[in-house]
């Protein structure tokens, strides 16, 4: 999953989308996205361990 974030960031730099933003902003945004995806993955893993929901 982190590979995907790194690949998208690199693609953005190469394509010019992120090139106009300052490097510290880009780094903070990349870390924020990585943390968000990590939290999402942990929540999904926890939900699968509990079994199907009762909805």
N, C-alpha and C. Protein backbone atom coordinates (compact mmCIF):
# COMPACT_ATOMS: atom_id res chain seq x y z
N UNK A 1 0.83 -1.18 0.00
CA UNK A 1 0.00 0.00 0.00
C UNK A 1 0.88 1.26 0.00
N UNK A 2 1.94 1.24 0.80
CA UNK A 2 2.84 2.39 0.80
C UNK A 2 3.55 2.52 -0.54
N UNK A 3 3.75 1.40 -1.21
CA UNK A 3 4.34 1.44 -2.55
C UNK A 3 3.45 2.23 -3.50
N UNK A 4 2.15 2.05 -3.37
CA UNK A 4 1.21 2.76 -4.24
C UNK A 4 1.28 4.27 -3.97
N UNK A 5 1.36 4.65 -2.69
CA UNK A 5 1.47 6.06 -2.33
C UNK A 5 2.74 6.65 -2.91
N UNK A 6 3.85 5.94 -2.76
CA UNK A 6 5.13 6.42 -3.29
C UNK A 6 5.08 6.52 -4.82
N UNK A 7 4.47 5.54 -5.46
CA UNK A 7 4.38 5.56 -6.92
C UNK A 7 3.53 6.72 -7.40
N UNK A 8 2.41 6.99 -6.73
CA UNK A 8 1.56 8.11 -7.12
C UNK A 8 2.26 9.45 -6.88
N UNK A 9 3.00 9.56 -5.79
CA UNK A 9 3.74 10.78 -5.53
C UNK A 9 4.80 11.00 -6.60
N UNK A 10 5.52 9.95 -6.93
CA UNK A 10 6.55 10.05 -7.97
C UNK A 10 5.91 10.41 -9.32
N UNK A 11 4.80 9.80 -9.62
CA UNK A 11 4.10 10.10 -10.87
C UNK A 11 3.64 11.56 -10.89
N UNK A 12 3.15 12.04 -9.76
CA UNK A 12 2.74 13.43 -9.66
C UNK A 12 3.90 14.39 -9.87
N UNK A 13 5.06 14.05 -9.31
CA UNK A 13 6.24 14.89 -9.51
C UNK A 13 6.64 14.88 -10.98
N UNK A 14 6.65 13.71 -11.57
CA UNK A 14 7.06 13.61 -12.96
C UNK A 14 6.07 14.30 -13.89
N UNK A 15 4.81 14.27 -13.56
CA UNK A 15 3.79 14.86 -14.43
C UNK A 15 3.59 16.35 -14.15
N UNK A 16 4.16 16.86 -13.07
CA UNK A 16 4.09 18.29 -12.79
C UNK A 16 3.01 18.70 -11.83
N UNK A 17 2.17 17.78 -11.39
CA UNK A 17 1.09 18.17 -10.47
C UNK A 17 1.64 18.61 -9.13
N UNK A 18 2.57 17.85 -8.60
CA UNK A 18 3.13 18.15 -7.29
C UNK A 18 4.35 19.06 -7.41
N UNK A 19 4.86 19.22 -8.59
CA UNK A 19 6.08 20.01 -8.78
C UNK A 19 5.88 21.47 -8.42
N UNK A 20 4.66 21.97 -8.48
CA UNK A 20 4.41 23.37 -8.18
C UNK A 20 4.21 23.61 -6.69
N UNK A 21 4.01 22.58 -5.92
CA UNK A 21 3.85 22.72 -4.48
C UNK A 21 5.23 22.63 -3.81
N UNK A 22 5.43 23.33 -2.71
CA UNK A 22 6.72 23.23 -2.00
C UNK A 22 6.96 21.81 -1.51
N UNK A 23 8.23 21.41 -1.45
CA UNK A 23 8.58 20.06 -1.03
C UNK A 23 8.09 19.73 0.38
N UNK A 24 8.20 20.63 1.37
CA UNK A 24 7.66 20.28 2.71
C UNK A 24 6.16 20.00 2.68
N UNK A 25 5.41 20.77 1.91
CA UNK A 25 3.97 20.53 1.79
C UNK A 25 3.70 19.17 1.17
N UNK A 26 4.46 18.83 0.13
CA UNK A 26 4.30 17.54 -0.53
C UNK A 26 4.61 16.40 0.42
N UNK A 27 5.67 16.55 1.21
CA UNK A 27 6.05 15.51 2.17
C UNK A 27 4.97 15.34 3.23
N UNK A 28 4.44 16.44 3.74
CA UNK A 28 3.39 16.36 4.76
C UNK A 28 2.14 15.72 4.18
N UNK A 29 1.78 16.07 2.96
CA UNK A 29 0.61 15.47 2.32
C UNK A 29 0.82 13.97 2.11
N UNK A 30 2.02 13.57 1.69
CA UNK A 30 2.30 12.14 1.49
C UNK A 30 2.21 11.37 2.80
N UNK A 31 2.74 11.94 3.87
CA UNK A 31 2.67 11.28 5.18
C UNK A 31 1.21 11.19 5.64
N UNK A 32 0.45 12.26 5.44
CA UNK A 32 -0.96 12.24 5.85
C UNK A 32 -1.74 11.18 5.08
N UNK A 33 -1.49 11.04 3.81
CA UNK A 33 -2.17 10.01 3.02
C UNK A 33 -1.75 8.63 3.48
N UNK A 34 -0.46 8.44 3.75
CA UNK A 34 0.03 7.14 4.21
C UNK A 34 -0.60 6.76 5.55
N UNK A 35 -0.71 7.73 6.46
CA UNK A 35 -1.34 7.46 7.77
C UNK A 35 -2.81 7.12 7.58
N UNK A 36 -3.49 7.87 6.74
CA UNK A 36 -4.91 7.62 6.48
C UNK A 36 -5.12 6.21 5.92
N UNK A 37 -4.28 5.83 4.96
CA UNK A 37 -4.41 4.48 4.39
C UNK A 37 -4.06 3.41 5.43
N UNK A 38 -3.09 3.68 6.29
CA UNK A 38 -2.74 2.74 7.35
C UNK A 38 -3.88 2.54 8.33
N UNK A 39 -4.51 3.63 8.74
CA UNK A 39 -5.65 3.53 9.66
C UNK A 39 -6.80 2.78 9.00
N UNK A 40 -7.05 3.06 7.73
CA UNK A 40 -8.10 2.35 7.01
C UNK A 40 -7.80 0.86 6.95
N UNK A 41 -6.55 0.49 6.66
CA UNK A 41 -6.19 -0.93 6.59
C UNK A 41 -6.35 -1.61 7.93
N UNK A 42 -5.96 -0.94 9.01
CA UNK A 42 -6.12 -1.53 10.34
C UNK A 42 -7.60 -1.70 10.70
N UNK A 43 -8.42 -0.72 10.35
CA UNK A 43 -9.85 -0.85 10.63
C UNK A 43 -10.46 -2.00 9.84
N UNK A 44 -10.06 -2.13 8.58
CA UNK A 44 -10.58 -3.23 7.76
C UNK A 44 -10.13 -4.58 8.30
N UNK A 45 -8.88 -4.68 8.70
CA UNK A 45 -8.37 -5.94 9.27
C UNK A 45 -9.13 -6.29 10.54
N UNK A 46 -9.35 -5.27 11.38
CA UNK A 46 -10.07 -5.51 12.63
C UNK A 46 -11.51 -5.93 12.35
N UNK A 47 -12.15 -5.33 11.37
CA UNK A 47 -13.53 -5.68 11.03
C UNK A 47 -13.62 -7.11 10.49
N UNK A 48 -12.63 -7.53 9.73
CA UNK A 48 -12.66 -8.90 9.19
C UNK A 48 -12.45 -9.94 10.28
N UNK A 49 -11.67 -9.60 11.29
CA UNK A 49 -11.43 -10.55 12.39
C UNK A 49 -12.68 -10.74 13.23
N UNK A 50 -13.50 -9.69 13.32
CA UNK A 50 -14.74 -9.79 14.12
C UNK A 50 -15.81 -10.58 13.43
N UNK A 51 -15.68 -10.78 12.14
CA UNK A 51 -16.69 -11.51 11.40
C UNK A 51 -17.63 -10.58 10.69
N UNK A 52 -18.63 -11.16 10.02
CA UNK A 52 -19.59 -10.31 9.28
C UNK A 52 -20.41 -9.43 10.22
N UNK A 53 -20.73 -8.25 9.76
CA UNK A 53 -21.52 -7.34 10.59
C UNK A 53 -22.97 -7.77 10.59
N UNK A 54 -23.72 -7.27 11.56
CA UNK A 54 -25.12 -7.66 11.72
C UNK A 54 -26.05 -6.68 11.03
N UNK A 55 -25.60 -5.99 9.99
CA UNK A 55 -26.45 -5.02 9.30
C UNK A 55 -27.50 -5.67 8.49
